[in-house]
Amino acid sequence: MLRNRKWWFLLSALSALVLLSGCTPNTAQKTTEELQNSSGWWDSNVVYWFSLMLDKFAEWFGGEYGLSILVLTVIVRTLILPLSIKQFRNSKAMQKLQPEMMKIREKYKDNPQQQQQEMMKLYQEHQVNPLAGCLPLIVQMPIFIALYRAITVNVEISTHQFLWLELGEKDPYYILPIIAACTTFIQSYMMMTMNPQQQMGPMKALMFIFPIMIFIMALSFPSALPLYWIYTNIYTIIQNYFMYGRSPKPEGTGKEAMPNEKTGGNRKNSGSGGKKRSKSARR
């Protein structure tokens, strides 16, 4: 049940992102001063500050907004890093509890309500929140939406050239959409291989769905947006490498919590195997 809730939450967040991204590119371009004087509370009190930081960072780099987007992305991701670390620790704790969770599922397999109650007791005893993985996403969404909109509506960005790109226009060579999709896939694949809890069916599906959607959206979006996604993905890949790739593997894995019938079969097979080995030893 908890896994299904997380799955539906991720789908809802993805749908919100798609809806947002479908509407944002058509927004009228504004200067940072116009955002400050905007009648909308969100633009004047939140988006304005992100747009102002983009302008200031661009000044530091001789007007290069491509580097300004990079700096702001790194700052935002670093500020929310404590949430990612908390999610990482919670994930490790959940992995260690997998054997106990498997026993509860086996013991109360005919009583789902009691099984759920015992699971909650186990979580409370070890101070683990099974939905903690959703918390960073909930906190990040307003921040990323504001940054996303600031990049989109800032008129200075829309008229700026960075490398071969016009940041306010689509990439004519489709290089950014390809890189954005590839880095999204690498990020998802790393999470799948480094975190056994992510190896369930719905999460595997997301590993392929996200890159495809990012690629399709990046084809029609101004280059500044795929550039921001690429920066974010690279930061996350490096972060996950140091958090998951360099940490010792936990004793429990997500596979131990798979359907319980297999465990019974394995025990029977191991028992019969033991008898065969003892007979051969006597001979």
Protein backbone atom coordinates (compact mmCIF):
# COMPACT_ATOMS: atom_id res chain seq x y z
CA MET A 1 0.00 0.00 0.00
CA LEU A 2 2.78 2.42 0.92
CA ARG A 3 4.57 1.62 -2.29
CA ASN A 4 1.41 2.32 -4.29
CA ARG A 5 0.93 5.67 -2.54
CA LYS A 6 4.46 6.69 -3.41
CA TRP A 7 3.90 5.59 -7.01
CA TRP A 8 0.74 7.65 -7.36
CA PHE A 9 2.43 10.62 -5.71
CA LEU A 10 5.27 10.47 -8.22
CA LEU A 11 2.81 10.26 -11.09
CA SER A 12 0.92 13.28 -9.74
CA ALA A 13 4.14 15.28 -9.41
CA LEU A 14 5.15 14.31 -12.93
CA SER A 15 1.74 15.35 -14.28
CA ALA A 16 2.06 18.72 -12.53
CA LEU A 17 5.49 19.20 -14.07
CA VAL A 18 4.17 18.36 -17.54
CA LEU A 19 1.25 20.77 -17.10
CA LEU A 20 3.59 23.49 -15.87
CA SER A 21 6.09 22.94 -18.66
CA GLY A 22 3.35 23.00 -21.26
CA CYS A 23 2.18 26.43 -20.15
CA THR A 24 5.42 28.17 -19.22
CA PRO A 25 7.11 28.68 -22.62
CA ASN A 26 4.18 30.78 -23.86
CA THR A 27 4.56 33.25 -20.97
CA ALA A 28 5.38 36.85 -21.94
CA GLN A 29 9.01 37.87 -21.39
CA LYS A 30 9.70 40.32 -18.57
CA THR A 31 12.63 42.18 -17.10
CA THR A 32 13.56 41.59 -13.47
CA GLU A 33 12.16 45.02 -12.56
CA GLU A 34 8.85 44.17 -14.19
CA LEU A 35 8.70 40.96 -12.17
CA GLN A 36 9.24 42.97 -8.98
CA ASN A 37 6.33 45.27 -9.85
CA SER A 38 4.11 42.45 -11.05
CA SER A 39 0.60 42.23 -9.64
CA GLY A 40 0.99 38.51 -9.04
CA TRP A 41 2.26 37.57 -5.56
CA TRP A 42 4.27 34.58 -6.82
CA ASP A 43 6.14 36.59 -9.45
CA SER A 44 6.80 39.66 -7.31
CA ASN A 45 7.83 37.85 -4.11
CA VAL A 46 9.41 34.59 -5.27
CA VAL A 47 10.27 34.48 -8.98
CA TYR A 48 11.70 38.01 -8.81
CA TRP A 49 14.51 36.93 -6.44
CA PHE A 50 15.53 34.03 -8.66
CA SER A 51 15.54 36.29 -11.70
CA LEU A 52 17.59 38.88 -9.79
CA MET A 53 20.18 36.24 -8.84
CA LEU A 54 20.42 35.11 -12.45
CA ASP A 55 21.15 38.71 -13.49
CA LYS A 56 23.77 39.20 -10.77
CA PHE A 57 25.57 35.93 -11.47
CA ALA A 58 25.60 36.76 -15.19
CA GLU A 59 27.33 40.05 -14.37
CA TRP A 60 30.06 38.13 -12.53
CA PHE A 61 30.75 36.05 -15.65
CA GLY A 62 30.72 38.88 -18.19
CA GLY A 63 27.05 38.48 -19.11
CA GLU A 64 27.13 34.70 -19.59
CA TYR A 65 23.66 33.51 -18.58
CA GLY A 66 24.56 29.91 -19.37
CA LEU A 67 27.06 29.99 -16.51
CA SER A 68 24.63 31.98 -14.37
CA ILE A 69 22.07 29.17 -14.65
CA LEU A 70 24.79 26.71 -13.61
CA VAL A 71 25.73 28.70 -10.50
CA LEU A 72 22.13 29.14 -9.37
CA THR A 73 21.40 25.45 -9.96
CA VAL A 74 24.38 24.44 -7.81
CA ILE A 75 23.31 26.83 -5.03
CA VAL A 76 19.71 25.60 -5.00
CA ARG A 77 20.72 21.94 -5.07
CA THR A 78 23.24 22.48 -2.27
CA LEU A 79 20.65 24.20 -0.09
CA ILE A 80 18.34 21.19 -0.32
CA LEU A 81 21.19 18.70 0.11
CA PRO A 82 20.31 18.10 3.82
CA LEU A 83 16.94 16.74 2.68
CA SER A 84 18.65 14.39 0.25
CA ILE A 85 20.98 13.18 3.00
CA LYS A 86 18.00 12.56 5.28
CA GLN A 87 16.31 10.61 2.49
CA PHE A 88 19.52 8.58 2.00
CA ARG A 89 19.73 7.66 5.70
CA ASN A 90 16.06 6.72 5.79
CA SER A 91 16.56 4.53 2.73
CA LYS A 92 19.45 2.71 4.38
CA ALA A 93 17.37 2.16 7.51
CA MET A 94 14.52 0.74 5.42
CA GLN A 95 16.92 -1.69 3.74
CA LYS A 96 18.10 -2.99 7.09
CA LEU A 97 14.48 -3.60 8.12
CA GLN A 98 13.68 -5.70 5.05
CA PRO A 99 14.17 -9.07 6.81
CA GLU A 100 11.82 -8.03 9.62
CA MET A 101 9.31 -6.72 7.10
CA MET A 102 9.45 -10.03 5.26
CA LYS A 103 8.69 -11.93 8.48
CA ILE A 104 5.67 -9.69 9.19
CA ARG A 105 4.33 -10.20 5.67
CA GLU A 106 4.70 -13.95 6.03
CA LYS A 107 3.12 -14.07 9.49
CA TYR A 108 0.11 -11.87 8.65
CA LYS A 109 -0.26 -12.66 4.96
CA ASP A 110 -3.95 -13.54 5.50
CA ASN A 111 -4.67 -10.40 7.55
CA PRO A 112 -3.66 -7.25 5.60
CA GLN A 113 -4.97 -4.91 8.30
CA GLN A 114 -2.92 -6.54 11.05
CA GLN A 115 0.05 -6.68 8.72
CA GLN A 116 -0.19 -2.92 8.17
CA GLN A 117 -0.43 -2.27 11.92
CA GLU A 118 2.64 -4.40 12.63
CA MET A 119 4.53 -2.60 9.88
CA MET A 120 3.72 0.77 11.43
CA LYS A 121 4.88 -0.48 14.84
CA LEU A 122 8.15 -1.58 13.26
CA TYR A 123 8.64 1.82 11.61
CA GLN A 124 7.89 3.65 14.85
CA GLU A 125 10.21 1.42 16.87
CA HIS A 126 13.14 2.14 14.54
CA GLN A 127 12.08 5.75 13.81
CA VAL A 128 11.77 5.15 10.08
CA ASN A 129 9.34 6.93 7.77
CA PRO A 130 8.47 4.82 4.70
CA LEU A 131 7.24 7.93 2.86
CA ALA A 132 10.32 10.03 3.63
CA GLY A 133 11.45 9.60 0.04
CA CYS A 134 8.61 11.89 -1.03
CA LEU A 135 9.58 14.71 1.34
CA PRO A 136 12.46 16.11 -0.74
CA LEU A 137 10.23 16.15 -3.80
CA ILE A 138 7.50 18.05 -1.94
CA VAL A 139 9.95 20.67 -0.69
CA GLN A 140 11.81 20.95 -3.98
CA MET A 141 8.77 21.47 -6.18
CA PRO A 142 8.06 25.15 -5.23
CA ILE A 143 11.78 25.99 -5.48
CA PHE A 144 12.21 24.36 -8.85
CA ILE A 145 8.98 25.86 -10.20
CA ALA A 146 10.16 29.35 -9.21
CA LEU A 147 13.60 28.79 -10.73
CA TYR A 148 12.00 27.23 -13.80
CA ARG A 149 9.75 30.25 -14.31
CA ALA A 150 12.57 32.75 -13.67
CA ILE A 151 14.63 31.13 -16.43
CA THR A 152 11.64 31.15 -18.77
CA VAL A 153 10.36 34.71 -18.36
CA ASN A 154 13.66 36.58 -17.93
CA VAL A 155 13.96 38.62 -21.13
CA GLU A 156 17.75 38.86 -20.84
CA ILE A 157 18.06 35.08 -20.95
CA SER A 158 15.72 34.78 -23.93
CA THR A 159 17.95 37.01 -26.06
CA HIS A 160 21.31 35.64 -24.86
CA GLN A 161 23.66 33.39 -26.84
CA PHE A 162 25.64 30.68 -25.03
CA LEU A 163 27.96 28.35 -26.95
CA TRP A 164 26.01 27.42 -30.12
CA LEU A 165 22.67 28.15 -28.45
CA GLU A 166 20.17 30.95 -28.43
CA LEU A 167 18.84 30.41 -24.92
CA GLY A 168 15.39 31.70 -25.88
CA GLU A 169 15.13 29.37 -28.89
CA LYS A 170 15.09 25.62 -29.44
CA ASP A 171 18.36 23.81 -30.00
CA PRO A 172 18.55 23.52 -33.83
CA TYR A 173 20.89 20.50 -33.63
CA TYR A 174 18.92 18.53 -30.97
CA ILE A 175 22.08 18.15 -28.91
CA LEU A 176 20.57 19.45 -25.65
CA PRO A 177 17.48 17.19 -25.76
CA ILE A 178 19.69 14.14 -26.28
CA ILE A 179 22.07 15.08 -23.45
CA ALA A 180 19.14 15.92 -21.16
CA ALA A 181 17.52 12.52 -21.83
CA CYS A 182 20.81 10.63 -21.41
CA THR A 183 21.73 12.30 -18.13
CA THR A 184 18.18 11.70 -16.84
CA PHE A 185 18.51 8.00 -17.68
CA ILE A 186 21.97 7.76 -16.05
CA GLN A 187 20.63 9.41 -12.91
CA SER A 188 17.66 7.00 -12.74
CA TYR A 189 19.83 3.97 -13.52
CA MET A 190 22.27 4.88 -10.74
CA MET A 191 19.41 5.05 -8.25
CA MET A 192 18.14 1.66 -9.42
CA THR A 193 21.51 -0.08 -9.08
CA MET A 194 22.63 1.62 -5.87
CA ASN A 195 19.33 1.51 -3.99
CA PRO A 196 17.59 -1.91 -4.00
CA GLN A 197 14.33 -0.35 -2.82
CA GLN A 198 14.09 1.41 -6.18
CA GLN A 199 14.16 -1.91 -8.06
CA MET A 200 10.41 -2.51 -7.84
CA GLY A 201 8.18 -2.48 -10.93
CA PRO A 202 6.85 1.12 -10.80
CA MET A 203 10.29 2.60 -10.18
CA LYS A 204 11.74 0.60 -13.06
CA ALA A 205 9.06 2.03 -15.32
CA LEU A 206 9.96 5.58 -14.27
CA MET A 207 13.58 4.94 -15.25
CA PHE A 208 12.44 4.81 -18.89
CA ILE A 209 9.46 7.18 -18.73
CA PHE A 210 11.34 10.21 -17.39
CA PRO A 211 14.09 10.30 -20.06
CA ILE A 212 11.54 9.96 -22.87
CA MET A 213 9.38 12.76 -21.48
CA ILE A 214 12.40 15.01 -20.89
CA PHE A 215 13.55 14.41 -24.47
CA ILE A 216 10.13 15.20 -25.96
CA MET A 217 9.71 18.37 -23.89
CA ALA A 218 13.26 19.54 -24.59
CA LEU A 219 12.62 19.34 -28.34
CA SER A 220 10.18 22.25 -28.22
CA PHE A 221 11.44 24.24 -25.23
CA PRO A 222 13.82 27.22 -25.20
CA SER A 223 17.40 25.97 -24.78
CA ALA A 224 17.72 27.52 -21.31
CA LEU A 225 15.37 24.90 -19.86
CA PRO A 226 17.13 21.72 -21.13
CA LEU A 227 20.38 23.36 -20.07
CA TYR A 228 19.00 23.73 -16.54
CA TRP A 229 17.87 20.07 -16.55
CA ILE A 230 21.34 18.93 -17.65
CA TYR A 231 23.02 20.91 -14.87
CA THR A 232 20.58 19.46 -12.33
CA ASN A 233 21.11 15.90 -13.57
CA ILE A 234 24.90 16.17 -13.46
CA TYR A 235 24.76 17.53 -9.91
CA THR A 236 22.45 14.68 -8.87
CA ILE A 237 24.65 12.05 -10.53
CA ILE A 238 27.70 13.29 -8.62
CA GLN A 239 25.68 13.53 -5.40
CA ASN A 240 24.33 9.99 -5.75
CA TYR A 241 27.78 8.61 -6.50
CA PHE A 242 29.16 9.92 -3.22
CA MET A 243 26.03 9.05 -1.22
CA TYR A 244 25.21 5.60 -2.60
CA GLY A 245 28.17 4.45 -4.68
CA ARG A 246 30.84 4.92 -2.00
CA SER A 247 28.79 3.67 0.96
CA PRO A 248 28.94 0.02 2.16
CA LYS A 249 26.20 -2.23 0.93
CA PRO A 250 23.46 -2.91 3.52
CA GLU A 251 22.74 -6.38 4.83
CA GLY A 252 19.12 -6.31 3.71
CA THR A 253 18.04 -5.77 0.12
CA GLY A 254 14.76 -4.95 -1.51
CA LYS A 255 14.60 -8.44 -3.05
CA GLU A 256 14.18 -9.98 0.40
CA ALA A 257 10.78 -8.33 0.68
CA MET A 258 9.47 -9.83 -2.56
CA PRO A 259 6.52 -12.33 -2.51
CA ASN A 260 6.83 -14.63 0.46
CA GLU A 261 5.95 -17.86 -1.33
CA LYS A 262 9.46 -17.89 -2.75
CA THR A 263 11.01 -17.93 0.68
CA GLY A 264 9.07 -21.00 1.66
CA GLY A 265 10.12 -22.72 -1.55
CA ASN A 266 13.73 -21.85 -0.94
CA ARG A 267 13.61 -23.29 2.56
CA LYS A 268 12.16 -26.56 1.27
CA ASN A 269 14.75 -26.79 -1.45
CA SER A 270 17.56 -26.05 0.97
CA GLY A 271 16.23 -28.71 3.35
CA SER A 272 15.99 -31.38 0.64
CA GLY A 273 19.40 -30.37 -0.62
CA GLY A 274 20.79 -30.83 2.88
CA LYS A 275 19.34 -34.36 3.08
CA LYS A 276 20.88 -35.30 -0.24
CA ARG A 277 24.24 -34.01 0.81
CA SER A 278 24.09 -35.98 4.11
CA LYS A 279 23.22 -39.20 2.26
CA SER A 280 26.10 -38.75 -0.17
CA ALA A 281 28.43 -38.03 2.75
CA ARG A 282 27.42 -41.31 4.46
CA ARG A 283 28.13 -43.23 1.31
